[in-house]
Amino acid sequence: MAGLLNGDDYRAVARKRLPKGLFEYIDRGTEAELAMADIRQSLDLIKLQQAVLAGHDNVDLSVSLFDRKYSCPLIIAPTALAGLVSHDGEAKLARAAGTFGIPFCVSTQSVMTIEDIRKGAPNAELWLQLYVWQNRALTWNLLDRAQGCNAETLIVTVDTPQGPKRDYNHRNGFAIPFVPTVRGISDVLRHPGWLCSVMLRYLMTTGMPSYAHYPPEYRTAITRQTAADDVKIEKTLSWDDIAEIRDRWQGRLILKGILSTVDAERAAQIGADGIVVSAHGGRNF
């Protein structure tokens, strides 16, 4: 780890360590992947202007957000299937966030439940990212579970009106359900470090990983056909749905995936406490 000095170094190691299907699921975008380059260019256009001769011997990166002060202006974003990258990966991310004094946002599509993440990181500030399911009663139950784990901030993803088109996932057999192929199995066997430290540990303890937040009756291994209609992402999400969530959720409410001034103003009018200006990394729509 001491030899990894920047993001490119970590990415190169991840490419070597992870099976191709898993690495590309993390690393790549949707459709022709043009949005990824556009987002990168937009970020590179932001310039920071330094002030010199400040006379400070300590650099203070702290920031106030809502009613909290954080050590730096960063939040660990929700990442689906993070627990496939490292065993109990979501709990590890939460502990790291707690160590650095920043929030960790739990994904609806995590491999660990928010209850298990809370047990693994009792001092972390947990937020919950929500994909609204077609069955609203199941969605409200997930919100209740999050509040039971002292998650005070809810981030509703609003920029995924349909499943993303990622051709490479299908070529790699990394769709849901996972499709075992000779090519895919060979790829996994060429990554024994990941196979032994992640997948085999799950198989020997909790079994084949799955979307842990699905209710037990809908929870299937990621190698089997998934997503009964009840737990499919709602394609017709509207501002009326957000208003209902605002009425039901007692904590902070943030909308993730806002890209226009009009939508930002509507979010404020409907009672959202904040927005995430996000194109989902160019990987969903």
Protein backbone atom coordinates (compact mmCIF):
# COMPACT_ATOMS: atom_id res chain seq x y z
CA MET A 1 0.00 0.00 0.00
CA ALA A 2 2.87 2.38 0.71
CA GLY A 3 3.76 2.34 -2.97
CA LEU A 4 0.29 3.51 -4.07
CA LEU A 5 0.62 7.26 -4.39
CA ASN A 6 -2.44 8.39 -6.37
CA GLY A 7 -5.73 7.33 -7.85
CA ASP A 8 -4.15 5.91 -10.98
CA ASP A 9 -1.96 3.63 -8.85
CA TYR A 10 -4.98 2.27 -6.97
CA ARG A 11 -6.90 1.77 -10.21
CA ALA A 12 -4.02 -0.21 -11.72
CA VAL A 13 -3.85 -2.50 -8.69
CA ALA A 14 -7.63 -2.95 -8.71
CA ARG A 15 -7.49 -3.98 -12.37
CA LYS A 16 -4.95 -6.69 -11.51
CA ARG A 17 -6.69 -7.90 -8.36
CA LEU A 18 -10.33 -8.01 -9.45
CA PRO A 19 -11.95 -10.24 -12.08
CA LYS A 20 -12.53 -8.31 -15.29
CA GLY A 21 -16.31 -8.37 -14.93
CA LEU A 22 -16.21 -6.80 -11.48
CA PHE A 23 -13.54 -4.25 -12.39
CA GLU A 24 -15.40 -3.05 -15.48
CA TYR A 25 -18.68 -2.90 -13.55
CA ILE A 26 -16.97 -0.37 -11.26
CA ASP A 27 -14.79 1.41 -13.81
CA ARG A 28 -16.97 1.90 -16.87
CA GLY A 29 -20.10 3.81 -17.87
CA THR A 30 -23.30 3.33 -19.83
CA GLU A 31 -24.15 3.31 -23.54
CA ALA A 32 -21.18 4.75 -25.52
CA GLU A 33 -19.64 6.02 -22.25
CA LEU A 34 -19.42 9.57 -23.60
CA ALA A 35 -20.78 11.02 -20.35
CA MET A 36 -17.74 9.79 -18.41
CA ALA A 37 -15.32 11.82 -20.51
CA ASP A 38 -17.61 14.85 -20.31
CA ILE A 39 -17.77 14.64 -16.51
CA ARG A 40 -13.99 14.29 -16.28
CA GLN A 41 -13.52 17.35 -18.49
CA SER A 42 -16.03 19.36 -16.43
CA LEU A 43 -14.14 18.53 -13.25
CA ASP A 44 -10.79 19.43 -14.80
CA LEU A 45 -12.16 22.85 -15.77
CA ILE A 46 -12.61 23.77 -12.11
CA LYS A 47 -9.67 25.87 -10.94
CA LEU A 48 -8.60 26.47 -7.35
CA GLN A 49 -7.07 29.84 -6.51
CA GLN A 50 -4.55 29.87 -3.70
CA ALA A 51 -4.03 32.59 -1.11
CA VAL A 52 -0.39 32.93 -0.04
CA LEU A 53 1.39 34.08 3.10
CA ALA A 54 -1.46 33.04 5.38
CA GLY A 55 0.92 32.26 8.23
CA HIS A 56 -0.89 29.09 9.37
CA ASP A 57 1.04 26.05 10.51
CA ASN A 58 -2.03 23.76 10.37
CA VAL A 59 -4.22 23.23 7.34
CA ASP A 60 -7.92 23.13 8.24
CA LEU A 61 -10.09 21.28 5.70
CA SER A 62 -13.16 21.14 7.93
CA VAL A 63 -16.57 22.09 6.56
CA SER A 64 -20.00 22.67 8.07
CA LEU A 65 -22.90 20.86 6.40
CA PHE A 66 -26.42 21.14 7.77
CA ASP A 67 -25.90 21.09 11.55
CA ARG A 68 -22.62 19.14 11.57
CA LYS A 69 -18.94 19.90 11.23
CA TYR A 70 -16.88 17.42 9.25
CA SER A 71 -13.12 17.04 9.05
CA CYS A 72 -13.04 17.56 5.28
CA PRO A 73 -15.50 18.24 2.43
CA LEU A 74 -15.91 14.60 1.43
CA ILE A 75 -18.62 11.96 1.77
CA ILE A 76 -18.22 8.29 0.84
CA ALA A 77 -20.83 7.88 -1.87
CA PRO A 78 -23.21 4.91 -2.10
CA THR A 79 -21.69 2.09 -4.12
CA ALA A 80 -23.68 -0.97 -5.17
CA LEU A 81 -22.06 -4.33 -4.42
CA ALA A 82 -19.09 -2.78 -2.62
CA GLY A 83 -18.98 -5.95 -0.55
CA LEU A 84 -17.84 -7.85 -3.64
CA VAL A 85 -14.65 -5.81 -3.85
CA SER A 86 -13.64 -6.73 -0.32
CA HIS A 87 -15.25 -9.08 2.20
CA ASP A 88 -17.66 -7.04 4.36
CA GLY A 89 -16.55 -4.08 2.25
CA GLU A 90 -19.42 -1.82 3.28
CA ALA A 91 -18.53 -2.13 6.98
CA LYS A 92 -14.90 -1.38 6.15
CA LEU A 93 -15.91 1.77 4.27
CA ALA A 94 -18.10 2.84 7.20
CA ARG A 95 -15.26 2.34 9.69
CA ALA A 96 -12.91 4.33 7.47
CA ALA A 97 -15.47 7.13 7.26
CA GLY A 98 -15.82 7.13 11.04
CA THR A 99 -12.06 7.30 11.47
CA PHE A 100 -11.82 10.35 9.22
CA GLY A 101 -14.91 12.04 10.63
CA ILE A 102 -17.01 11.99 7.45
CA PRO A 103 -20.34 10.31 6.55
CA PHE A 104 -20.74 6.98 4.80
CA CYS A 105 -23.78 6.54 2.56
CA VAL A 106 -25.13 2.98 2.51
CA SER A 107 -26.41 1.77 -0.86
CA THR A 108 -29.81 0.14 -1.29
CA GLN A 109 -27.95 -2.45 -3.37
CA SER A 110 -25.24 -3.25 -0.82
CA VAL A 111 -24.12 -6.77 0.04
CA MET A 112 -24.46 -6.04 3.78
CA THR A 113 -27.62 -4.81 5.48
CA ILE A 114 -27.59 -1.44 7.17
CA GLU A 115 -28.06 -3.28 10.47
CA ASP A 116 -24.88 -5.32 9.92
CA ILE A 117 -22.99 -2.23 8.76
CA ARG A 118 -24.04 -0.47 11.96
CA LYS A 119 -22.78 -3.42 14.03
CA GLY A 120 -19.49 -3.38 12.15
CA ALA A 121 -19.08 0.39 12.47
CA PRO A 122 -20.94 1.52 15.61
CA ASN A 123 -19.43 5.02 15.61
CA ALA A 124 -19.89 5.86 11.93
CA GLU A 125 -22.39 8.42 10.68
CA LEU A 126 -24.54 6.39 8.31
CA TRP A 127 -26.70 7.83 5.55
CA LEU A 128 -28.99 5.72 3.36
CA GLN A 129 -29.27 5.95 -0.42
CA LEU A 130 -32.71 4.90 -1.59
CA TYR A 131 -33.91 3.38 -4.83
CA VAL A 132 -37.68 3.55 -4.55
CA TRP A 133 -39.13 0.08 -5.16
CA GLN A 134 -42.37 -0.54 -6.99
CA ASN A 135 -43.82 -1.97 -3.77
CA ARG A 136 -44.09 1.12 -1.61
CA ALA A 137 -44.80 -0.81 1.60
CA LEU A 138 -41.43 -2.56 1.27
CA THR A 139 -39.79 0.80 0.56
CA TRP A 140 -41.27 2.35 3.69
CA ASN A 141 -40.09 -0.65 5.72
CA LEU A 142 -36.53 -0.03 4.54
CA LEU A 143 -36.81 3.58 5.67
CA ASP A 144 -37.96 2.41 9.10
CA ARG A 145 -34.97 0.05 9.30
CA ALA A 146 -32.61 2.89 8.43
CA GLN A 147 -34.06 5.14 11.12
CA GLY A 148 -33.72 2.25 13.55
CA CYS A 149 -29.98 2.28 12.79
CA ASN A 150 -29.75 6.01 13.54
CA ALA A 151 -29.40 7.01 9.91
CA GLU A 152 -30.49 10.63 9.96
CA THR A 153 -29.98 11.46 6.28
CA LEU A 154 -31.79 9.90 3.33
CA ILE A 155 -30.50 10.32 -0.23
CA VAL A 156 -33.09 9.45 -2.87
CA THR A 157 -31.64 8.58 -6.27
CA VAL A 158 -33.80 10.27 -8.92
CA ASP A 159 -31.72 9.87 -12.08
CA THR A 160 -32.36 6.22 -12.97
CA PRO A 161 -35.66 5.97 -14.86
CA GLN A 162 -34.61 2.64 -16.35
CA GLY A 163 -31.91 0.03 -16.02
CA PRO A 164 -28.60 1.16 -17.53
CA LYS A 165 -27.40 -0.33 -20.81
CA ARG A 166 -23.91 -1.67 -20.19
CA ASP A 167 -22.96 -4.01 -23.01
CA TYR A 168 -19.68 -5.02 -21.38
CA ASN A 169 -21.54 -6.40 -18.35
CA HIS A 170 -23.34 -8.86 -20.60
CA ARG A 171 -20.18 -9.75 -22.47
CA ASN A 172 -18.41 -10.39 -19.16
CA GLY A 173 -21.34 -12.34 -17.73
CA PHE A 174 -21.67 -9.74 -14.98
CA ALA A 175 -25.37 -9.08 -15.49
CA ILE A 176 -28.00 -10.00 -12.91
CA PRO A 177 -28.22 -12.91 -12.74
CA PHE A 178 -24.54 -13.68 -13.15
CA VAL A 179 -24.10 -16.03 -16.07
CA PRO A 180 -21.30 -18.55 -15.49
CA THR A 181 -19.23 -19.03 -18.62
CA VAL A 182 -15.92 -20.75 -19.32
CA ARG A 183 -14.43 -17.33 -19.97
CA GLY A 184 -15.82 -15.89 -16.74
CA ILE A 185 -14.81 -18.84 -14.58
CA SER A 186 -11.32 -18.77 -16.08
CA ASP A 187 -11.09 -15.06 -15.30
CA VAL A 188 -12.05 -15.64 -11.65
CA LEU A 189 -9.51 -18.46 -11.32
CA ARG A 190 -6.80 -16.11 -12.59
CA HIS A 191 -7.49 -13.87 -9.58
CA PRO A 192 -6.93 -16.25 -6.64
CA GLY A 193 -6.36 -13.43 -4.16
CA TRP A 194 -9.86 -12.06 -4.72
CA LEU A 195 -11.39 -15.54 -4.98
CA CYS A 196 -9.98 -16.71 -1.65
CA SER A 197 -10.27 -13.49 0.37
CA VAL A 198 -13.71 -12.44 -0.84
CA MET A 199 -15.90 -14.98 -2.62
CA LEU A 200 -14.81 -18.12 -0.77
CA ARG A 201 -15.18 -16.35 2.57
CA TYR A 202 -18.80 -15.55 1.72
CA LEU A 203 -19.47 -19.09 0.52
CA MET A 204 -18.04 -20.52 3.74
CA THR A 205 -20.00 -18.17 6.02
CA THR A 206 -23.10 -16.38 4.73
CA GLY A 207 -23.39 -18.04 1.32
CA MET A 208 -23.52 -16.52 -2.14
CA PRO A 209 -23.74 -12.70 -1.89
CA SER A 210 -27.02 -10.99 -2.66
CA TYR A 211 -28.70 -7.62 -2.40
CA ALA A 212 -28.99 -7.67 1.36
CA HIS A 213 -31.68 -5.01 1.70
CA TYR A 214 -34.22 -6.98 -0.26
CA PRO A 215 -36.82 -8.57 2.05
CA PRO A 216 -35.90 -12.24 2.75
CA GLU A 217 -38.62 -13.58 0.46
CA TYR A 218 -37.09 -11.67 -2.47
CA ARG A 219 -33.44 -12.14 -1.58
CA THR A 220 -31.71 -14.47 -4.03
CA ALA A 221 -28.11 -15.18 -4.82
CA ILE A 222 -26.64 -12.93 -7.48
CA THR A 223 -26.27 -16.00 -9.70
CA ARG A 224 -30.05 -16.50 -9.85
CA GLN A 225 -32.77 -14.49 -11.56
CA THR A 226 -33.61 -11.57 -9.33
CA ALA A 227 -35.87 -8.57 -8.95
CA ALA A 228 -39.43 -9.67 -8.55
CA ASP A 229 -41.66 -6.78 -9.57
CA ASP A 230 -42.07 -5.67 -5.95
CA VAL A 231 -38.36 -4.80 -5.60
CA LYS A 232 -37.72 -3.44 -9.06
CA ILE A 233 -36.72 0.22 -9.20
CA GLU A 234 -39.74 2.44 -9.78
CA LYS A 235 -39.56 3.78 -13.33
CA THR A 236 -42.34 6.33 -12.94
CA LEU A 237 -40.96 8.17 -9.92
CA SER A 238 -42.45 11.65 -9.67
CA TRP A 239 -42.42 14.75 -7.50
CA ASP A 240 -45.54 13.42 -5.78
CA ASP A 241 -43.50 10.41 -4.63
CA ILE A 242 -40.82 12.72 -3.27
CA ALA A 243 -43.49 14.67 -1.39
CA GLU A 244 -44.71 11.46 0.22
CA ILE A 245 -41.17 10.49 1.18
CA ARG A 246 -40.72 13.96 2.68
CA ASP A 247 -43.82 13.39 4.81
CA ARG A 248 -42.66 9.95 5.97
CA TRP A 249 -38.96 10.63 6.57
CA GLN A 250 -38.23 12.56 9.75
CA GLY A 251 -34.55 13.27 9.06
CA ARG A 252 -32.66 15.16 6.36
CA LEU A 253 -33.74 14.51 2.78
CA ILE A 254 -31.37 14.89 -0.19
CA LEU A 255 -32.14 14.28 -3.86
CA LYS A 256 -29.30 12.72 -5.83
CA GLY A 257 -29.08 13.22 -9.58
CA ILE A 258 -30.19 16.83 -10.01
CA LEU A 259 -28.72 18.46 -13.13
CA SER A 260 -30.92 21.48 -13.82
CA THR A 261 -31.73 24.73 -12.05
CA VAL A 262 -35.45 24.06 -12.46
CA ASP A 263 -35.21 20.71 -10.68
CA ALA A 264 -33.03 22.21 -7.95
CA GLU A 265 -35.64 24.89 -7.28
CA ARG A 266 -38.41 22.28 -7.26
CA ALA A 267 -36.45 20.20 -4.76
CA ALA A 268 -36.18 23.19 -2.44
CA GLN A 269 -39.88 23.94 -2.77
CA ILE A 270 -40.88 20.39 -1.93
CA GLY A 271 -38.83 20.41 1.28
CA ALA A 272 -35.55 18.74 0.36
CA ASP A 273 -32.68 19.77 2.61
CA GLY A 274 -30.11 19.45 -0.17
CA ILE A 275 -29.28 18.05 -3.57
CA VAL A 276 -26.44 16.07 -5.10
CA VAL A 277 -25.49 17.55 -8.47
CA SER A 278 -24.68 14.26 -10.13
CA ALA A 279 -24.83 12.40 -13.43
CA HIS A 280 -24.31 9.11 -11.57
CA GLY A 281 -20.73 8.96 -12.79
CA GLY A 282 -22.00 8.57 -16.35
CA ARG A 283 -22.89 4.96 -15.60
CA ASN A 284 -26.68 4.87 -15.34
CA PHE A 285 -28.37 7.14 -17.88
